[in-house]
Amino acid sequence: MAKSRFILCLFFSISSIVNAQELNCNVSINNTGLVKNRTEEVYNNVQTSIQEFINSYVWTNDKFGNIEKIDCSISINVTEEVGNNAYKAEAVIQASRPVFNSSYATTTFFIRDPDFEFVYNDGEPLIFNEGTLTSQLTSKLAFYAFLILAIDYDSFQKYGGTALYKRAFEVANNAGWSDNGEYSRYRLINMIQRPDHEIFRRFIYEYHRLGLDPMYNDIGKGKNKINSTFRHLQKFSTDVPQATWLNIIFNCKRNEFANIIKALAPDKKEATIKMLNRIDINNKGIYNKVKK
């Protein structure tokens, strides 16, 4: 793991450091009342299997203590049982990371995957071999695990998640995913590695490490720094109009942005609200509420 992340996390709590699992993932499955060919026990088994797979797999060679594990969740909504132990589903994936010297956790990733179809044979272990396709289910889980880790690393060190984005991209390639459809995992990971997305990744680092984390020492300075990082989003929205990653960050941060804007000086508040209203039209109502 990036050295700066370890240094920061050591301040959160003194803990034993071991070469251990990196994710603390809560998995839930909703079968929307579709218990037909499969029993409720099968759904419970797949939920347990997925959670154990994600939390027990060692995704990196870096060292994590228990306090350093990344909190995340995967909520899977099964919409149809399609035979041969196959399921059509959608998933919501979310992750967060703590803010230095506080009890506050900030959301770093939130996305809805409408195409989370998978096959699960009850009783069979979930296996993932990096470099080859073992199953679509473990490939999807590994893809999001690497993505969660990459974004977390980016939030602690400038471009710290580069190697993990590459690994997620290899998973997408090996799984045979395409750039077609309304939502594309391949497109998502391909875009974040492009040079025109570097300014977005720079925002992720500066917003979290240089803005949120220092607030324990100087709230005003931290909020002013965060406000200055919005210029990265403004340029990103100009360079890459309607970028998927721009929508992701607004889904994660819109309420957090509003709370930060609320405490700015009147002139900065007004200018920032105008800017966000231009690049995040869907959430204008949230930002306008803090004008007064």
Protein backbone atom coordinates (compact mmCIF):
# COMPACT_ATOMS: atom_id res chain seq x y z
CA MET A 1 0.00 0.00 0.00
CA ALA A 2 1.07 3.57 -0.55
CA LYS A 3 3.33 4.65 2.28
CA SER A 4 1.31 7.78 3.01
CA ARG A 5 -1.80 5.70 3.66
CA PHE A 6 -0.01 3.65 6.30
CA ILE A 7 1.38 6.73 7.99
CA LEU A 8 -2.08 8.28 8.19
CA CYS A 9 -3.83 5.12 9.32
CA LEU A 10 -1.35 4.60 12.12
CA PHE A 11 -2.71 7.78 13.63
CA PHE A 12 -6.26 6.48 13.58
CA SER A 13 -5.43 3.68 15.98
CA ILE A 14 -2.50 1.62 17.18
CA SER A 15 -3.05 -1.83 15.80
CA SER A 16 -1.11 -4.92 14.91
CA ILE A 17 -0.13 -4.94 11.26
CA VAL A 18 -0.35 -8.19 9.38
CA ASN A 19 -0.28 -9.22 5.76
CA ALA A 20 -4.04 -9.66 5.77
CA GLN A 21 -7.22 -9.09 3.87
CA GLU A 22 -7.92 -5.53 2.83
CA LEU A 23 -11.71 -5.29 2.64
CA ASN A 24 -14.45 -5.27 5.24
CA CYS A 25 -17.39 -5.86 2.93
CA ASN A 26 -21.01 -6.34 3.92
CA VAL A 27 -22.98 -8.30 1.32
CA SER A 28 -26.75 -8.48 1.12
CA ILE A 29 -28.99 -10.28 -1.37
CA ASN A 30 -32.62 -9.47 -2.02
CA ASN A 31 -34.45 -12.01 -4.12
CA THR A 32 -37.55 -9.76 -4.40
CA GLY A 33 -39.79 -12.65 -3.39
CA LEU A 34 -38.66 -14.80 -6.31
CA VAL A 35 -38.07 -17.99 -4.34
CA LYS A 36 -39.18 -20.49 -6.96
CA ASN A 37 -36.68 -23.05 -8.13
CA ARG A 38 -34.23 -22.18 -5.38
CA THR A 39 -34.89 -22.15 -1.66
CA GLU A 40 -34.27 -19.31 0.74
CA GLU A 41 -31.30 -21.31 2.00
CA VAL A 42 -29.63 -21.10 -1.41
CA TYR A 43 -29.89 -17.30 -1.34
CA ASN A 44 -28.43 -17.26 2.15
CA ASN A 45 -25.61 -19.50 0.98
CA VAL A 46 -24.68 -17.32 -1.99
CA GLN A 47 -24.73 -14.25 0.23
CA THR A 48 -22.40 -15.90 2.74
CA SER A 49 -20.13 -17.26 -0.01
CA ILE A 50 -19.75 -13.85 -1.68
CA GLN A 51 -19.04 -12.08 1.58
CA GLU A 52 -16.48 -14.66 2.68
CA PHE A 53 -14.82 -14.60 -0.74
CA ILE A 54 -14.38 -10.83 -0.81
CA ASN A 55 -13.26 -10.52 2.80
CA SER A 56 -10.91 -13.49 2.88
CA TYR A 57 -9.16 -13.01 -0.47
CA VAL A 58 -5.82 -11.18 -0.28
CA TRP A 59 -6.07 -8.58 -3.04
CA THR A 60 -2.66 -6.91 -2.67
CA ASN A 61 0.78 -7.51 -1.21
CA ASP A 62 0.36 -4.59 1.16
CA LYS A 63 -0.08 -4.83 4.90
CA PHE A 64 -3.38 -4.00 6.54
CA GLY A 65 -4.32 -3.99 10.20
CA ASN A 66 -7.94 -4.47 11.23
CA ILE A 67 -8.44 -0.73 11.69
CA GLU A 68 -7.17 -0.10 8.15
CA LYS A 69 -9.58 -2.39 6.31
CA ILE A 70 -11.73 -0.58 3.78
CA ASP A 71 -15.42 -0.55 4.64
CA CYS A 72 -17.60 -1.34 1.66
CA SER A 73 -20.86 -3.01 0.74
CA ILE A 74 -22.44 -4.89 -2.15
CA SER A 75 -26.21 -5.10 -2.33
CA ILE A 76 -27.46 -7.56 -4.95
CA ASN A 77 -31.06 -7.51 -6.11
CA VAL A 78 -31.98 -10.73 -7.92
CA THR A 79 -34.66 -9.97 -10.49
CA GLU A 80 -35.06 -13.35 -12.20
CA GLU A 81 -34.11 -16.99 -11.85
CA VAL A 82 -33.18 -18.12 -15.36
CA GLY A 83 -32.31 -21.79 -14.94
CA ASN A 84 -29.08 -23.76 -14.56
CA ASN A 85 -28.44 -21.97 -11.26
CA ALA A 86 -28.28 -18.67 -13.12
CA TYR A 87 -29.64 -15.37 -11.90
CA LYS A 88 -30.34 -12.00 -13.44
CA ALA A 89 -29.54 -9.26 -10.97
CA GLU A 90 -28.45 -5.71 -10.39
CA ALA A 91 -25.98 -4.57 -7.76
CA VAL A 92 -25.17 -1.45 -5.80
CA ILE A 93 -21.53 -1.13 -4.75
CA GLN A 94 -20.39 1.41 -2.17
CA ALA A 95 -17.19 2.17 -0.26
CA SER A 96 -15.99 4.70 2.27
CA ARG A 97 -12.87 5.74 4.10
CA PRO A 98 -12.38 7.49 7.47
CA VAL A 99 -11.40 11.12 7.75
CA PHE A 100 -8.28 11.65 9.81
CA ASN A 101 -8.74 12.05 13.56
CA SER A 102 -12.54 11.97 13.38
CA SER A 103 -15.46 9.55 13.58
CA TYR A 104 -16.64 10.66 10.14
CA ALA A 105 -16.47 8.33 7.14
CA THR A 106 -16.69 9.82 3.66
CA THR A 107 -18.13 7.88 0.72
CA THR A 108 -15.49 7.28 -1.94
CA PHE A 109 -17.42 5.10 -4.38
CA PHE A 110 -21.08 4.51 -5.17
CA ILE A 111 -22.38 2.89 -8.32
CA ARG A 112 -25.30 0.82 -9.57
CA ASP A 113 -24.47 -2.07 -11.90
CA PRO A 114 -27.69 -3.02 -13.73
CA ASP A 115 -26.14 -6.12 -15.34
CA PHE A 116 -24.93 -8.33 -12.51
CA GLU A 117 -26.06 -11.66 -13.95
CA PHE A 118 -24.26 -14.63 -12.38
CA VAL A 119 -24.23 -18.40 -11.95
CA TYR A 120 -23.95 -19.93 -8.50
CA ASN A 121 -23.82 -23.67 -7.86
CA ASP A 122 -24.81 -24.21 -4.27
CA GLY A 123 -21.99 -25.69 -2.21
CA GLU A 124 -19.21 -24.96 -4.69
CA PRO A 125 -16.47 -22.61 -3.48
CA LEU A 126 -15.97 -19.28 -5.24
CA ILE A 127 -12.59 -19.29 -6.97
CA PHE A 128 -10.72 -16.46 -8.62
CA ASN A 129 -7.48 -16.82 -10.57
CA GLU A 130 -6.06 -13.52 -11.71
CA GLY A 131 -4.99 -13.73 -15.32
CA THR A 132 -7.76 -16.05 -16.47
CA LEU A 133 -11.54 -16.32 -16.40
CA THR A 134 -12.77 -18.66 -13.68
CA SER A 135 -16.35 -17.41 -13.44
CA GLN A 136 -18.27 -14.27 -14.27
CA LEU A 137 -19.33 -13.91 -10.63
CA THR A 138 -15.83 -13.88 -9.17
CA SER A 139 -14.62 -11.68 -12.03
CA LYS A 140 -17.27 -9.08 -11.20
CA LEU A 141 -16.45 -9.26 -7.50
CA ALA A 142 -12.72 -8.97 -8.17
CA PHE A 143 -13.28 -6.07 -10.56
CA TYR A 144 -15.09 -4.03 -7.94
CA ALA A 145 -12.65 -5.05 -5.22
CA PHE A 146 -9.74 -3.70 -7.27
CA LEU A 147 -11.73 -0.58 -8.15
CA ILE A 148 -12.57 0.13 -4.49
CA LEU A 149 -8.94 -0.34 -3.54
CA ALA A 150 -7.69 1.84 -6.39
CA ILE A 151 -9.92 4.76 -5.46
CA ASP A 152 -8.98 4.42 -1.81
CA TYR A 153 -5.28 4.48 -2.70
CA ASP A 154 -5.84 7.51 -4.94
CA SER A 155 -7.40 9.31 -1.97
CA PHE A 156 -4.24 8.89 0.11
CA GLN A 157 -1.53 9.38 -2.50
CA LYS A 158 -1.60 11.22 -5.82
CA TYR A 159 -2.24 8.58 -8.51
CA GLY A 160 -1.67 5.93 -5.84
CA GLY A 161 -4.18 3.52 -7.34
CA THR A 162 -2.64 3.21 -10.81
CA ALA A 163 -1.48 -0.40 -10.46
CA LEU A 164 -4.86 -1.47 -9.11
CA TYR A 165 -6.77 0.16 -11.96
CA LYS A 166 -4.56 -1.84 -14.31
CA ARG A 167 -5.46 -5.05 -12.50
CA ALA A 168 -9.17 -4.23 -12.71
CA PHE A 169 -8.70 -3.60 -16.43
CA GLU A 170 -7.10 -7.02 -16.85
CA VAL A 171 -10.06 -8.61 -15.09
CA ALA A 172 -12.40 -6.85 -17.53
CA ASN A 173 -10.35 -8.06 -20.48
CA ASN A 174 -10.16 -11.65 -19.27
CA ALA A 175 -13.91 -11.69 -18.59
CA GLY A 176 -14.61 -10.63 -22.18
CA TRP A 177 -16.66 -7.58 -21.24
CA SER A 178 -17.40 -5.13 -24.01
CA ASP A 179 -17.98 -1.39 -24.30
CA ASN A 180 -21.62 -1.90 -25.28
CA GLY A 181 -24.81 -1.22 -23.40
CA GLU A 182 -26.11 1.50 -21.12
CA TYR A 183 -23.59 0.55 -18.44
CA SER A 184 -20.19 -0.90 -19.22
CA ARG A 185 -17.63 -2.04 -16.67
CA TYR A 186 -15.06 -2.15 -19.46
CA ARG A 187 -15.70 1.47 -20.37
CA LEU A 188 -15.61 2.50 -16.72
CA ILE A 189 -12.14 1.10 -16.09
CA ASN A 190 -10.83 2.09 -19.52
CA MET A 191 -11.83 5.72 -18.99
CA ILE A 192 -10.26 6.16 -15.55
CA GLN A 193 -6.86 5.20 -16.99
CA ARG A 194 -6.97 7.77 -19.79
CA PRO A 195 -4.78 10.90 -19.57
CA ASP A 196 -7.85 13.16 -19.66
CA HIS A 197 -9.00 11.58 -16.38
CA GLU A 198 -5.82 12.42 -14.48
CA ILE A 199 -7.33 15.71 -13.31
CA PHE A 200 -10.26 13.76 -11.86
CA ARG A 201 -7.87 11.51 -9.95
CA ARG A 202 -5.98 14.57 -8.79
CA PHE A 203 -9.26 15.86 -7.36
CA ILE A 204 -9.77 12.59 -5.47
CA TYR A 205 -6.36 12.99 -3.81
CA GLU A 206 -6.51 16.71 -3.03
CA TYR A 207 -10.12 16.64 -1.83
CA HIS A 208 -9.52 13.83 0.67
CA ARG A 209 -5.88 14.07 1.70
CA LEU A 210 -5.36 17.84 1.50
CA GLY A 211 -8.92 18.96 2.26
CA LEU A 212 -10.88 16.58 4.48
CA ASP A 213 -8.02 15.03 6.47
CA PRO A 214 -6.50 18.32 7.75
CA MET A 215 -9.86 19.56 9.07
CA TYR A 216 -9.09 18.16 12.53
CA ASN A 217 -6.47 20.88 12.86
CA ASP A 218 -8.06 23.78 10.93
CA ILE A 219 -11.64 23.41 9.69
CA GLY A 220 -11.61 26.68 7.76
CA LYS A 221 -8.38 25.91 5.98
CA GLY A 222 -9.60 22.43 5.06
CA LYS A 223 -12.88 23.69 3.64
CA ASN A 224 -11.15 26.41 1.65
CA LYS A 225 -8.78 23.81 0.20
CA ILE A 226 -11.71 21.61 -0.75
CA ASN A 227 -13.40 24.57 -2.40
CA SER A 228 -10.28 25.18 -4.47
CA THR A 229 -10.28 21.54 -5.64
CA PHE A 230 -13.67 22.05 -7.30
CA ARG A 231 -11.81 23.75 -10.14
CA HIS A 232 -10.52 20.29 -11.09
CA LEU A 233 -14.08 19.05 -11.48
CA GLN A 234 -14.96 22.14 -13.49
CA LYS A 235 -12.08 21.54 -15.91
CA PHE A 236 -12.84 17.83 -16.04
CA SER A 237 -16.45 18.52 -16.97
CA THR A 238 -15.25 20.78 -19.78
CA ASP A 239 -12.62 18.38 -21.10
CA VAL A 240 -14.78 15.24 -20.75
CA PRO A 241 -18.46 16.27 -20.97
CA GLN A 242 -20.96 13.89 -19.34
CA ALA A 243 -18.17 11.72 -17.99
CA THR A 244 -19.35 8.66 -16.08
CA TRP A 245 -16.84 9.31 -13.32
CA LEU A 246 -18.15 12.83 -12.84
CA ASN A 247 -21.60 11.39 -12.18
CA ILE A 248 -20.11 8.87 -9.76
CA ILE A 249 -18.42 11.54 -7.67
CA PHE A 250 -21.57 13.65 -7.52
CA ASN A 251 -23.60 10.64 -6.42
CA CYS A 252 -21.04 10.08 -3.67
CA LYS A 253 -20.49 13.64 -2.55
CA ARG A 254 -23.47 15.89 -3.35
CA ASN A 255 -24.67 16.17 0.25
CA GLU A 256 -21.12 16.40 1.56
CA PHE A 257 -20.36 19.15 -0.96
CA ALA A 258 -23.45 21.07 0.19
CA ASN A 259 -22.39 20.88 3.84
CA ILE A 260 -18.93 22.18 2.99
CA ILE A 261 -20.27 24.99 0.81
CA LYS A 262 -22.63 26.03 3.60
CA ALA A 263 -19.70 27.10 5.79
CA LEU A 264 -17.87 29.13 3.13
CA ALA A 265 -17.69 32.91 3.11
CA PRO A 266 -20.70 34.42 1.24
CA ASP A 267 -18.74 35.38 -1.87
CA LYS A 268 -17.05 31.98 -2.18
CA LYS A 269 -20.32 30.20 -1.43
CA GLU A 270 -22.19 31.98 -4.21
CA ALA A 271 -19.44 31.38 -6.78
CA THR A 272 -19.12 27.71 -5.87
CA ILE A 273 -22.87 27.09 -6.02
CA LYS A 274 -23.03 28.69 -9.47
CA MET A 275 -20.18 26.52 -10.67
CA LEU A 276 -21.63 23.27 -9.29
CA ASN A 277 -25.05 24.12 -10.69
CA ARG A 278 -23.48 24.29 -14.15
CA ILE A 279 -21.66 20.99 -13.99
CA ASP A 280 -24.06 19.03 -11.76
CA ILE A 281 -27.49 20.03 -13.00
CA ASN A 282 -29.23 17.02 -11.43
CA ASN A 283 -28.34 18.18 -7.91
CA LYS A 284 -28.97 21.92 -8.25
CA GLY A 285 -31.70 21.73 -5.63
CA ILE A 286 -29.30 20.37 -3.00
CA TYR A 287 -26.74 23.13 -3.57
CA ASN A 288 -29.32 25.92 -3.78
CA LYS A 289 -30.68 24.98 -0.35
CA VAL A 290 -27.47 26.20 1.30
CA LYS A 291 -27.48 29.62 -0.34
CA LYS A 292 -28.93 31.30 2.72
